[in-house]
PDB file of all heavy atoms in Angstrom:
ATOM      1  N   ALA A   1      -4.196  -0.526   5.289  1.00  0.00           N
ATOM      2  CA  ALA A   1      -4.865  -0.632   3.990  1.00  0.00           C
ATOM      3  C   ALA A   1      -4.381   0.411   2.985  1.00  0.00           C
ATOM      4  O   ALA A   1      -4.950   0.536   1.905  1.00  0.00           O
ATOM      5  CB  ALA A   1      -6.371  -0.521   4.166  1.00  0.00           C
ATOM      6  N   GLY A   2      -3.363   1.171   3.346  1.00  0.00           N
ATOM      7  CA  GLY A   2      -2.746   2.094   2.399  1.00  0.00           C
ATOM      8  C   GLY A   2      -3.276   3.508   2.338  1.00  0.00           C
ATOM      9  O   GLY A   2      -3.099   4.165   1.310  1.00  0.00           O
ATOM     10  N   PRO A   3      -3.877   4.060   3.414  1.00  0.00           N
ATOM     11  CA  PRO A   3      -4.406   5.421   3.298  1.00  0.00           C
ATOM     12  C   PRO A   3      -3.335   6.476   3.017  1.00  0.00           C
ATOM     13  O   PRO A   3      -3.566   7.395   2.229  1.00  0.00           O
ATOM     14  CB  PRO A   3      -5.084   5.657   4.656  1.00  0.00           C
ATOM     15  CG  PRO A   3      -4.429   4.693   5.597  1.00  0.00           C
ATOM     16  CD  PRO A   3      -4.120   3.492   4.761  1.00  0.00           C
ATOM     17  N   LEU A   4      -2.166   6.333   3.646  1.00  0.00           N
ATOM     18  CA  LEU A   4      -1.110   7.318   3.401  1.00  0.00           C
ATOM     19  C   LEU A   4      -0.567   7.192   1.973  1.00  0.00           C
ATOM     20  O   LEU A   4      -0.325   8.193   1.305  1.00  0.00           O
ATOM     21  CB  LEU A   4       0.019   7.141   4.414  1.00  0.00           C
ATOM     22  CG  LEU A   4       1.132   8.192   4.305  1.00  0.00           C
ATOM     23  CD1 LEU A   4       0.649   9.533   4.834  1.00  0.00           C
ATOM     24  CD2 LEU A   4       2.379   7.750   5.040  1.00  0.00           C
ATOM     25  N   LEU A   5      -0.410   5.969   1.517  1.00  0.00           N
ATOM     26  CA  LEU A   5       0.068   5.758   0.145  1.00  0.00           C
ATOM     27  C   LEU A   5      -0.956   6.272  -0.865  1.00  0.00           C
ATOM     28  O   LEU A   5      -0.583   6.786  -1.923  1.00  0.00           O
ATOM     29  CB  LEU A   5       0.352   4.276  -0.080  1.00  0.00           C
ATOM     30  CG  LEU A   5       1.485   3.687   0.776  1.00  0.00           C
ATOM     31  CD1 LEU A   5       1.586   2.183   0.543  1.00  0.00           C
ATOM     32  CD2 LEU A   5       2.811   4.375   0.482  1.00  0.00           C
ATOM     33  N   ARG A   6      -2.216   6.128  -0.545  1.00  0.00           N
ATOM     34  CA  ARG A   6      -3.274   6.674  -1.403  1.00  0.00           C
ATOM     35  C   ARG A   6      -3.099   8.177  -1.561  1.00  0.00           C
ATOM     36  O   ARG A   6      -3.161   8.714  -2.681  1.00  0.00           O
ATOM     37  CB  ARG A   6      -4.639   6.368  -0.783  1.00  0.00           C
ATOM     38  CG  ARG A   6      -5.819   7.040  -1.456  1.00  0.00           C
ATOM     39  CD  ARG A   6      -7.086   6.776  -0.657  1.00  0.00           C
ATOM     40  NE  ARG A   6      -8.245   7.473  -1.222  1.00  0.00           N
ATOM     41  CZ  ARG A   6      -9.466   7.448  -0.675  1.00  0.00           C
ATOM     42  NH1 ARG A   6      -9.683   6.763   0.431  1.00  0.00           N
ATOM     43  NH2 ARG A   6     -10.459   8.107  -1.243  1.00  0.00           N
ATOM     44  N   LEU A   7      -2.841   8.864  -0.458  1.00  0.00           N
ATOM     45  CA  LEU A   7      -2.654  10.306  -0.500  1.00  0.00           C
ATOM     46  C   LEU A   7      -1.359  10.671  -1.230  1.00  0.00           C
ATOM     47  O   LEU A   7      -1.311  11.656  -1.975  1.00  0.00           O
ATOM     48  CB  LEU A   7      -2.647  10.859   0.927  1.00  0.00           C
ATOM     49  CG  LEU A   7      -2.812  12.359   1.123  1.00  0.00           C
ATOM     50  CD1 LEU A   7      -4.074  12.882   0.469  1.00  0.00           C
ATOM     51  CD2 LEU A   7      -2.821  12.692   2.618  1.00  0.00           C
ATOM     52  N   CYS A   8      -0.312   9.861  -1.035  1.00  0.00           N
ATOM     53  CA  CYS A   8       0.942  10.105  -1.751  1.00  0.00           C
ATOM     54  C   CYS A   8       0.730   9.990  -3.259  1.00  0.00           C
ATOM     55  O   CYS A   8       1.265  10.798  -4.035  1.00  0.00           O
ATOM     56  CB  CYS A   8       2.003   9.106  -1.298  1.00  0.00           C
ATOM     57  SG  CYS A   8       2.687   9.412   0.341  1.00  0.00           S
ATOM     58  N   LYS A   9      -0.031   8.995  -3.685  1.00  0.00           N
ATOM     59  CA  LYS A   9      -0.318   8.831  -5.115  1.00  0.00           C
ATOM     60  C   LYS A   9      -1.039  10.059  -5.658  1.00  0.00           C
ATOM     61  O   LYS A   9      -0.706  10.562  -6.745  1.00  0.00           O
ATOM     62  CB  LYS A   9      -1.171   7.585  -5.329  1.00  0.00           C
ATOM     63  CG  LYS A   9      -1.577   7.369  -6.776  1.00  0.00           C
ATOM     64  CD  LYS A   9      -2.473   6.149  -6.927  1.00  0.00           C
ATOM     65  CE  LYS A   9      -2.928   5.973  -8.374  1.00  0.00           C
ATOM     66  NZ  LYS A   9      -3.803   4.786  -8.530  1.00  0.00           N
ATOM     67  N   GLU A  10      -2.010  10.553  -4.895  1.00  0.00           N
ATOM     68  CA  GLU A  10      -2.763  11.725  -5.330  1.00  0.00           C
ATOM     69  C   GLU A  10      -1.878  12.963  -5.435  1.00  0.00           C
ATOM     70  O   GLU A  10      -2.169  13.868  -6.222  1.00  0.00           O
ATOM     71  CB  GLU A  10      -3.923  11.986  -4.361  1.00  0.00           C
ATOM     72  CG  GLU A  10      -4.997  10.902  -4.395  1.00  0.00           C
ATOM     73  CD  GLU A  10      -6.034  11.075  -3.300  1.00  0.00           C
ATOM     74  OE1 GLU A  10      -5.898  12.019  -2.481  1.00  0.00           O
ATOM     75  OE2 GLU A  10      -6.974  10.260  -3.255  1.00  0.00           O
ATOM     76  N   ARG A  11      -0.779  12.980  -4.663  1.00  0.00           N
ATOM     77  CA  ARG A  11       0.144  14.116  -4.688  1.00  0.00           C
ATOM     78  C   ARG A  11       1.303  13.909  -5.666  1.00  0.00           C
ATOM     79  O   ARG A  11       2.230  14.706  -5.689  1.00  0.00           O
ATOM     80  CB  ARG A  11       0.679  14.380  -3.277  1.00  0.00           C
ATOM     81  CG  ARG A  11      -0.384  14.812  -2.265  1.00  0.00           C
ATOM     82  CD  ARG A  11      -0.850  16.226  -2.495  1.00  0.00           C
ATOM     83  NE  ARG A  11       0.205  17.185  -2.329  1.00  0.00           N
ATOM     84  CZ  ARG A  11       0.567  17.732  -1.140  1.00  0.00           C
ATOM     85  NH1 ARG A  11      -0.085  17.387  -0.041  1.00  0.00           N
ATOM     86  NH2 ARG A  11       1.542  18.615  -1.072  1.00  0.00           N
ATOM     87  N   GLY A  12       1.259  12.833  -6.434  1.00  0.00           N
ATOM     88  CA  GLY A  12       2.231  12.656  -7.504  1.00  0.00           C
ATOM     89  C   GLY A  12       3.467  11.853  -7.167  1.00  0.00           C
ATOM     90  O   GLY A  12       4.413  11.812  -7.971  1.00  0.00           O
ATOM     91  N   ILE A  13       3.510  11.201  -6.001  1.00  0.00           N
ATOM     92  CA  ILE A  13       4.650  10.343  -5.686  1.00  0.00           C
ATOM     93  C   ILE A  13       4.619   9.135  -6.614  1.00  0.00           C
ATOM     94  O   ILE A  13       3.615   8.438  -6.712  1.00  0.00           O
ATOM     95  CB  ILE A  13       4.614   9.889  -4.214  1.00  0.00           C
ATOM     96  CG1 ILE A  13       4.493  11.095  -3.271  1.00  0.00           C
ATOM     97  CG2 ILE A  13       5.865   9.074  -3.888  1.00  0.00           C
ATOM     98  CD1 ILE A  13       5.607  12.080  -3.362  1.00  0.00           C
ATOM     99  N   GLN A  14       5.727   8.870  -7.270  1.00  0.00           N
ATOM    100  CA  GLN A  14       5.739   7.892  -8.354  1.00  0.00           C
ATOM    101  C   GLN A  14       5.893   6.453  -7.890  1.00  0.00           C
ATOM    102  O   GLN A  14       5.297   5.537  -8.467  1.00  0.00           O
ATOM    103  CB  GLN A  14       6.863   8.247  -9.334  1.00  0.00           C
ATOM    104  CG  GLN A  14       6.673   9.606  -9.996  1.00  0.00           C
ATOM    105  CD  GLN A  14       7.883  10.044 -10.781  1.00  0.00           C
ATOM    106  OE1 GLN A  14       8.930   9.392 -10.763  1.00  0.00           O
ATOM    107  NE2 GLN A  14       7.773  11.165 -11.478  1.00  0.00           N
ATOM    108  N   ARG A  15       6.714   6.212  -6.888  1.00  0.00           N
ATOM    109  CA  ARG A  15       6.962   4.838  -6.436  1.00  0.00           C
ATOM    110  C   ARG A  15       6.444   4.680  -5.018  1.00  0.00           C
ATOM    111  O   ARG A  15       6.873   5.391  -4.102  1.00  0.00           O
ATOM    112  CB  ARG A  15       8.452   4.514  -6.492  1.00  0.00           C
ATOM    113  CG  ARG A  15       8.767   3.071  -6.083  1.00  0.00           C
ATOM    114  CD  ARG A  15      10.248   2.786  -6.135  1.00  0.00           C
ATOM    115  NE  ARG A  15      10.541   1.496  -5.542  1.00  0.00           N
ATOM    116  CZ  ARG A  15      11.618   1.225  -4.815  1.00  0.00           C
ATOM    117  NH1 ARG A  15      12.523   2.174  -4.599  1.00  0.00           N
ATOM    118  NH2 ARG A  15      11.821   0.021  -4.295  1.00  0.00           N
ATOM    119  N   LEU A  16       5.530   3.735  -4.848  1.00  0.00           N
ATOM    120  CA  LEU A  16       4.869   3.518  -3.560  1.00  0.00           C
ATOM    121  C   LEU A  16       5.147   2.107  -3.064  1.00  0.00           C
ATOM    122  O   LEU A  16       5.064   1.144  -3.836  1.00  0.00           O
ATOM    123  CB  LEU A  16       3.357   3.710  -3.697  1.00  0.00           C
ATOM    124  CG  LEU A  16       2.874   5.005  -4.348  1.00  0.00           C
ATOM    125  CD1 LEU A  16       1.372   4.937  -4.587  1.00  0.00           C
ATOM    126  CD2 LEU A  16       3.228   6.200  -3.480  1.00  0.00           C
ATOM    127  N   ALA A  17       5.457   1.990  -1.784  1.00  0.00           N
ATOM    128  CA  ALA A  17       5.677   0.675  -1.193  1.00  0.00           C
ATOM    129  C   ALA A  17       5.194   0.689   0.248  1.00  0.00           C
ATOM    130  O   ALA A  17       5.173   1.733   0.916  1.00  0.00           O
ATOM    131  CB  ALA A  17       7.159   0.290  -1.252  1.00  0.00           C
ATOM    132  N   GLY A  18       4.797  -0.487   0.726  1.00  0.00           N
ATOM    133  CA  GLY A  18       4.328  -0.587   2.100  1.00  0.00           C
ATOM    134  C   GLY A  18       4.419  -2.004   2.608  1.00  0.00           C
ATOM    135  O   GLY A  18       4.416  -2.967   1.834  1.00  0.00           O
ATOM    136  N   ILE A  19       4.503  -2.138   3.921  1.00  0.00           N
ATOM    137  CA  ILE A  19       4.525  -3.439   4.570  1.00  0.00           C
ATOM    138  C   ILE A  19       3.633  -3.378   5.799  1.00  0.00           C
ATOM    139  O   ILE A  19       3.596  -2.368   6.508  1.00  0.00           O
ATOM    140  CB  ILE A  19       5.966  -3.858   4.944  1.00  0.00           C
ATOM    141  CG1 ILE A  19       5.977  -5.276   5.524  1.00  0.00           C
ATOM    142  CG2 ILE A  19       6.628  -2.850   5.874  1.00  0.00           C
ATOM    143  CD1 ILE A  19       7.391  -5.849   5.675  1.00  0.00           C
ATOM    144  N   ASP A  20       2.883  -4.450   6.022  1.00  0.00           N
ATOM    145  CA  ASP A  20       2.001  -4.512   7.183  1.00  0.00           C
ATOM    146  C   ASP A  20       1.817  -5.972   7.589  1.00  0.00           C
ATOM    147  O   ASP A  20       1.844  -6.873   6.742  1.00  0.00           O
ATOM    148  CB  ASP A  20       0.639  -3.885   6.875  1.00  0.00           C
ATOM    149  CG  ASP A  20      -0.137  -3.544   8.135  1.00  0.00           C
ATOM    150  OD1 ASP A  20      -0.855  -4.421   8.650  1.00  0.00           O
ATOM    151  OD2 ASP A  20       0.005  -2.399   8.619  1.00  0.00           O
ATOM    152  N   ALA A  21       1.578  -6.175   8.891  1.00  0.00           N
ATOM    153  CA  ALA A  21       1.391  -7.533   9.404  1.00  0.00           C
ATOM    154  C   ALA A  21       0.040  -8.124   9.038  1.00  0.00           C
ATOM    155  O   ALA A  21      -0.135  -9.343   9.065  1.00  0.00           O
ATOM    156  CB  ALA A  21       1.558  -7.542  10.925  1.00  0.00           C
ATOM    157  N   SER A  22      -0.918  -7.281   8.704  1.00  0.00           N
ATOM    158  CA  SER A  22      -2.273  -7.745   8.417  1.00  0.00           C
ATOM    159  C   SER A  22      -2.447  -8.119   6.949  1.00  0.00           C
ATOM    160  O   SER A  22      -2.406  -7.251   6.067  1.00  0.00           O
ATOM    161  CB  SER A  22      -3.300  -6.664   8.793  1.00  0.00           C
ATOM    162  OG  SER A  22      -4.577  -7.015   8.308  1.00  0.00           O
ATOM    163  N   ALA A  23      -2.696  -9.394   6.701  1.00  0.00           N
ATOM    164  CA  ALA A  23      -2.973  -9.839   5.330  1.00  0.00           C
ATOM    165  C   ALA A  23      -4.283  -9.241   4.821  1.00  0.00           C
ATOM    166  O   ALA A  23      -4.415  -8.953   3.629  1.00  0.00           O
ATOM    167  CB  ALA A  23      -3.031 -11.366   5.284  1.00  0.00           C
ATOM    168  N   GLU A  24      -5.256  -9.050   5.717  1.00  0.00           N
ATOM    169  CA  GLU A  24      -6.539  -8.464   5.330  1.00  0.00           C
ATOM    170  C   GLU A  24      -6.346  -7.027   4.838  1.00  0.00           C
ATOM    171  O   GLU A  24      -6.914  -6.612   3.819  1.00  0.00           O
ATOM    172  CB  GLU A  24      -7.518  -8.492   6.500  1.00  0.00           C
ATOM    173  CG  GLU A  24      -7.937  -9.880   6.954  1.00  0.00           C
ATOM    174  CD  GLU A  24      -8.899 -10.535   5.979  1.00  0.00           C
ATOM    175  OE1 GLU A  24      -9.318  -9.884   5.006  1.00  0.00           O
ATOM    176  OE2 GLU A  24      -9.228 -11.711   6.194  1.00  0.00           O
ATOM    177  N   ALA A  25      -5.551  -6.262   5.571  1.00  0.00           N
ATOM    178  CA  ALA A  25      -5.320  -4.867   5.189  1.00  0.00           C
ATOM    179  C   ALA A  25      -4.549  -4.770   3.875  1.00  0.00           C
ATOM    180  O   ALA A  25      -4.881  -3.967   2.998  1.00  0.00           O
ATOM    181  CB  ALA A  25      -4.581  -4.129   6.300  1.00  0.00           C
ATOM    182  N   ILE A  26      -3.516  -5.605   3.724  1.00  0.00           N
ATOM    183  CA  ILE A  26      -2.716  -5.570   2.506  1.00  0.00           C
ATOM    184  C   ILE A  26      -3.544  -6.008   1.294  1.00  0.00           C
ATOM    185  O   ILE A  26      -3.378  -5.476   0.185  1.00  0.00           O
ATOM    186  CB  ILE A  26      -1.453  -6.432   2.651  1.00  0.00           C
ATOM    187  CG1 ILE A  26      -0.468  -5.762   3.627  1.00  0.00           C
ATOM    188  CG2 ILE A  26      -0.785  -6.668   1.302  1.00  0.00           C
ATOM    189  CD1 ILE A  26       0.118  -4.451   3.132  1.00  0.00           C
ATOM    190  N   ALA A  27      -4.446  -6.959   1.487  1.00  0.00           N
ATOM    191  CA  ALA A  27      -5.298  -7.393   0.377  1.00  0.00           C
ATOM    192  C   ALA A  27      -6.120  -6.230  -0.168  1.00  0.00           C
ATOM    193  O   ALA A  27      -6.246  -6.053  -1.391  1.00  0.00           O
ATOM    194  CB  ALA A  27      -6.216  -8.525   0.838  1.00  0.00           C
ATOM    195  N   LEU A  28      -6.682  -5.413   0.726  1.00  0.00           N
ATOM    196  CA  LEU A  28      -7.456  -4.257   0.286  1.00  0.00           C
ATOM    197  C   LEU A  28      -6.539  -3.219  -0.377  1.00  0.00           C
ATOM    198  O   LEU A  28      -6.882  -2.645  -1.416  1.00  0.00           O
ATOM    199  CB  LEU A  28      -8.195  -3.628   1.462  1.00  0.00           C
ATOM    200  CG  LEU A  28      -9.008  -2.367   1.133  1.00  0.00           C
ATOM    201  CD1 LEU A  28     -10.087  -2.667   0.099  1.00  0.00           C
ATOM    202  CD2 LEU A  28      -9.626  -1.774   2.403  1.00  0.00           C
ATOM    203  N   ALA A  29      -5.369  -3.004   0.210  1.00  0.00           N
ATOM    204  CA  ALA A  29      -4.427  -2.035  -0.358  1.00  0.00           C
ATOM    205  C   ALA A  29      -4.005  -2.440  -1.771  1.00  0.00           C
ATOM    206  O   ALA A  29      -3.914  -1.606  -2.673  1.00  0.00           O
ATOM    207  CB  ALA A  29      -3.203  -1.902   0.546  1.00  0.00           C
ATOM    208  N   LYS A  30      -3.759  -3.722  -1.986  1.00  0.00           N
ATOM    209  CA  LYS A  30      -3.371  -4.200  -3.321  1.00  0.00           C
ATOM    210  C   LYS A  30      -4.499  -4.004  -4.329  1.00  0.00           C
ATOM    211  O   LYS A  30      -4.252  -3.696  -5.494  1.00  0.00           O
ATOM    212  CB  LYS A  30      -2.980  -5.675  -3.250  1.00  0.00           C
ATOM    213  CG  LYS A  30      -1.623  -5.928  -2.628  1.00  0.00           C
ATOM    214  CD  LYS A  30      -1.264  -7.401  -2.697  1.00  0.00           C
ATOM    215  CE  LYS A  30       0.160  -7.637  -2.231  1.00  0.00           C
ATOM    216  NZ  LYS A  30       0.554  -9.067  -2.325  1.00  0.00           N
ATOM    217  N   GLU A  31      -5.734  -4.183  -3.863  1.00  0.00           N
ATOM    218  CA  GLU A  31      -6.889  -3.979  -4.744  1.00  0.00           C
ATOM    219  C   GLU A  31      -7.000  -2.523  -5.171  1.00  0.00           C
ATOM    220  O   GLU A  31      -7.293  -2.223  -6.332  1.00  0.00           O
ATOM    221  CB  GLU A  31      -8.158  -4.421  -4.014  1.00  0.00           C
ATOM    222  CG  GLU A  31      -9.444  -4.175  -4.759  1.00  0.00           C
ATOM    223  CD  GLU A  31     -10.662  -4.496  -3.910  1.00  0.00           C
ATOM    224  OE1 GLU A  31     -10.617  -5.485  -3.142  1.00  0.00           O
ATOM    225  OE2 GLU A  31     -11.655  -3.738  -3.996  1.00  0.00           O
ATOM    226  N   ARG A  32      -6.752  -1.606  -4.230  1.00  0.00           N
ATOM    227  CA  ARG A  32      -6.938  -0.182  -4.501  1.00  0.00           C
ATOM    228  C   ARG A  32      -5.687   0.478  -5.106  1.00  0.00           C
ATOM    229  O   ARG A  32      -5.803   1.496  -5.786  1.00  0.00           O
ATOM    230  CB  ARG A  32      -7.323   0.532  -3.197  1.00  0.00           C
ATOM    231  CG  ARG A  32      -8.557  -0.046  -2.519  1.00  0.00           C
ATOM    232  CD  ARG A  32      -9.836   0.210  -3.300  1.00  0.00           C
ATOM    233  NE  ARG A  32     -10.976  -0.503  -2.780  1.00  0.00           N
ATOM    234  CZ  ARG A  32     -11.718  -0.119  -1.751  1.00  0.00           C
ATOM    235  NH1 ARG A  32     -11.440   1.014  -1.115  1.00  0.00           N
ATOM    236  NH2 ARG A  32     -12.745  -0.858  -1.351  1.00  0.00           N
ATOM    237  N   LEU A  33      -4.509  -0.095  -4.820  1.00  0.00           N
ATOM    238  CA  LEU A  33      -3.250   0.479  -5.299  1.00  0.00           C
ATOM    239  C   LEU A  33      -2.431  -0.609  -5.996  1.00  0.00           C
ATOM    240  O   LEU A  33      -1.365  -1.016  -5.514  1.00  0.00           O
ATOM    241  CB  LEU A  33      -2.452   1.073  -4.132  1.00  0.00           C
ATOM    242  CG  LEU A  33      -3.077   2.246  -3.368  1.00  0.00           C
ATOM    243  CD1 LEU A  33      -2.331   2.497  -2.070  1.00  0.00           C
ATOM    244  CD2 LEU A  33      -3.102   3.496  -4.231  1.00  0.00           C
ATOM    245  N   PRO A  34      -2.916  -1.088  -7.132  1.00  0.00           N
ATOM    246  CA  PRO A  34      -2.238  -2.218  -7.783  1.00  0.00           C
ATOM    247  C   PRO A  34      -0.814  -1.916  -8.235  1.00  0.00           C
ATOM    248  O   PRO A  34      -0.005  -2.828  -8.429  1.00  0.00           O
ATOM    249  CB  PRO A  34      -3.152  -2.524  -8.981  1.00  0.00           C
ATOM    250  CG  PRO A  34      -3.905  -1.258  -9.227  1.00  0.00           C
ATOM    251  CD  PRO A  34      -4.100  -0.638  -7.880  1.00  0.00           C
ATOM    252  N   GLU A  35      -0.486  -0.649  -8.404  1.00  0.00           N
ATOM    253  CA  GLU A  35       0.854  -0.277  -8.852  1.00  0.00           C
ATOM    254  C   GLU A  35       1.878  -0.271  -7.716  1.00  0.00           C
ATOM    255  O   GLU A  35       3.089  -0.194  -7.959  1.00  0.00           O
ATOM    256  CB  GLU A  35       0.839   1.108  -9.516  1.00  0.00           C
ATOM    257  CG  GLU A  35       0.618   2.268  -8.549  1.00  0.00           C
ATOM    258  CD  GLU A  35      -0.842   2.529  -8.208  1.00  0.00           C
ATOM    259  OE1 GLU A  35      -1.665   1.590  -8.238  1.00  0.00           O
ATOM    260  OE2 GLU A  35      -1.152   3.692  -7.909  1.00  0.00           O
ATOM    261  N   ALA A  36       1.428  -0.348  -6.471  1.00  0.00           N
ATOM    262  CA  ALA A  36       2.320  -0.268  -5.314  1.00  0.00           C
ATOM    263  C   ALA A  36       2.951  -1.628  -5.002  1.00  0.00           C
ATOM    264  O   ALA A  36       2.374  -2.684  -5.269  1.00  0.00           O
ATOM    265  CB  ALA A  36       1.553   0.240  -4.096  1.00  0.00           C
ATOM    266  N   ASP A  37       4.140  -1.577  -4.421  1.00  0.00           N
ATOM    267  CA  ASP A  37       4.839  -2.772  -3.944  1.00  0.00           C
ATOM    268  C   ASP A  37       4.420  -2.980  -2.485  1.00  0.00           C
ATOM    269  O   ASP A  37       4.950  -2.325  -1.585  1.00  0.00           O
ATOM    270  CB  ASP A  37       6.346  -2.570  -4.068  1.00  0.00           C
ATOM    271  CG  ASP A  37       7.146  -3.775  -3.594  1.00  0.00           C
ATOM    272  OD1 ASP A  37       6.537  -4.802  -3.222  1.00  0.00           O
ATOM    273  OD2 ASP A  37       8.391  -3.683  -3.584  1.00  0.00           O
ATOM    274  N   LEU A  38       3.488  -3.891  -2.269  1.00  0.00           N
ATOM    275  CA  LEU A  38       2.891  -4.080  -0.951  1.00  0.00           C
ATOM    276  C   LEU A  38       3.182  -5.489  -0.438  1.00  0.00           C
ATOM    277  O   LEU A  38       2.936  -6.473  -1.136  1.00  0.00           O
ATOM    278  CB  LEU A  38       1.380  -3.841  -1.017  1.00  0.00           C
ATOM    279  CG  LEU A  38       0.987  -2.414  -1.433  1.00  0.00           C
ATOM    280  CD1 LEU A  38      -0.477  -2.354  -1.839  1.00  0.00           C
ATOM    281  CD2 LEU A  38       1.272  -1.439  -0.296  1.00  0.00           C
ATOM    282  N   GLN A  39       3.691  -5.554   0.802  1.00  0.00           N
ATOM    283  CA  GLN A  39       4.130  -6.827   1.366  1.00  0.00           C
ATOM    284  C   GLN A  39       3.458  -7.093   2.708  1.00  0.00           C
ATOM    285  O   GLN A  39       3.283  -6.170   3.506  1.00  0.00           O
ATOM    286  CB  GLN A  39       5.649  -6.806   1.574  1.00  0.00           C
ATOM    287  CG  GLN A  39       6.453  -6.475   0.329  1.00  0.00           C
ATOM    288  CD  GLN A  39       6.429  -7.585  -0.693  1.00  0.00           C
ATOM    289  OE1 GLN A  39       6.335  -8.753  -0.341  1.00  0.00           O
ATOM    290  NE2 GLN A  39       6.506  -7.221  -1.971  1.00  0.00           N
ATOM    291  N   VAL A  40       3.101  -8.357   2.931  1.00  0.00           N
ATOM    292  CA  VAL A  40       2.634  -8.795   4.249  1.00  0.00           C
ATOM    293  C   VAL A  40       3.854  -9.244   5.038  1.00  0.00           C
ATOM    294  O   VAL A  40       4.633 -10.078   4.563  1.00  0.00           O
ATOM    295  CB  VAL A  40       1.629  -9.959   4.143  1.00  0.00           C
ATOM    296  CG1 VAL A  40       1.202 -10.424   5.537  1.00  0.00           C
ATOM    297  CG2 VAL A  40       0.415  -9.540   3.332  1.00  0.00           C
ATOM    298  N   GLY A  41       4.033  -8.692   6.230  1.00  0.00           N
ATOM    299  CA  GLY A  41       5.182  -9.108   7.020  1.00  0.00           C
ATOM    300  C   GLY A  41       5.357  -8.281   8.279  1.00  0.00           C
ATOM    301  O   GLY A  41       4.703  -7.259   8.479  1.00  0.00           O
ATOM    302  N   ASP A  42       6.240  -8.743   9.126  1.00  0.00           N
ATOM    303  CA  ASP A  42       6.600  -8.071  10.374  1.00  0.00           C
ATOM    304  C   ASP A  42       7.858  -7.250  10.126  1.00  0.00           C
ATOM    305  O   ASP A  42       8.961  -7.802  10.016  1.00  0.00           O
ATOM    306  CB  ASP A  42       6.829  -9.122  11.461  1.00  0.00           C
ATOM    307  CG  ASP A  42       7.260  -8.526  12.791  1.00  0.00           C
ATOM    308  OD1 ASP A  42       7.396  -7.290  12.887  1.00  0.00           O
ATOM    309  OD2 ASP A  42       7.474  -9.313  13.737  1.00  0.00           O
ATOM    310  N   PHE A  43       7.701  -5.936  10.007  1.00  0.00           N
ATOM    311  CA  PHE A  43       8.850  -5.095   9.654  1.00  0.00           C
ATOM    312  C   PHE A  43       9.903  -5.031  10.757  1.00  0.00           C
ATOM    313  O   PHE A  43      11.017  -4.566  10.512  1.00  0.00           O
ATOM    314  CB  PHE A  43       8.406  -3.687   9.241  1.00  0.00           C
ATOM    315  CG  PHE A  43       7.806  -2.845  10.332  1.00  0.00           C
ATOM    316  CD1 PHE A  43       8.607  -2.185  11.242  1.00  0.00           C
ATOM    317  CD2 PHE A  43       6.432  -2.706  10.440  1.00  0.00           C
ATOM    318  CE1 PHE A  43       8.062  -1.393  12.251  1.00  0.00           C
ATOM    319  CE2 PHE A  43       5.870  -1.922  11.437  1.00  0.00           C
ATOM    320  CZ  PHE A  43       6.690  -1.267  12.352  1.00  0.00           C
TER     321      PHE A  43
END
């Protein structure tokens, strides 16, 4: 759901991206981090 990316944003990291197999988790991450490039998939 993006907890590490959330912390990165708070520390000033400008470009955030993530991938996860869970559509449920990514849906929440997109809601909370709309500026991030977030993908559902098997990395």
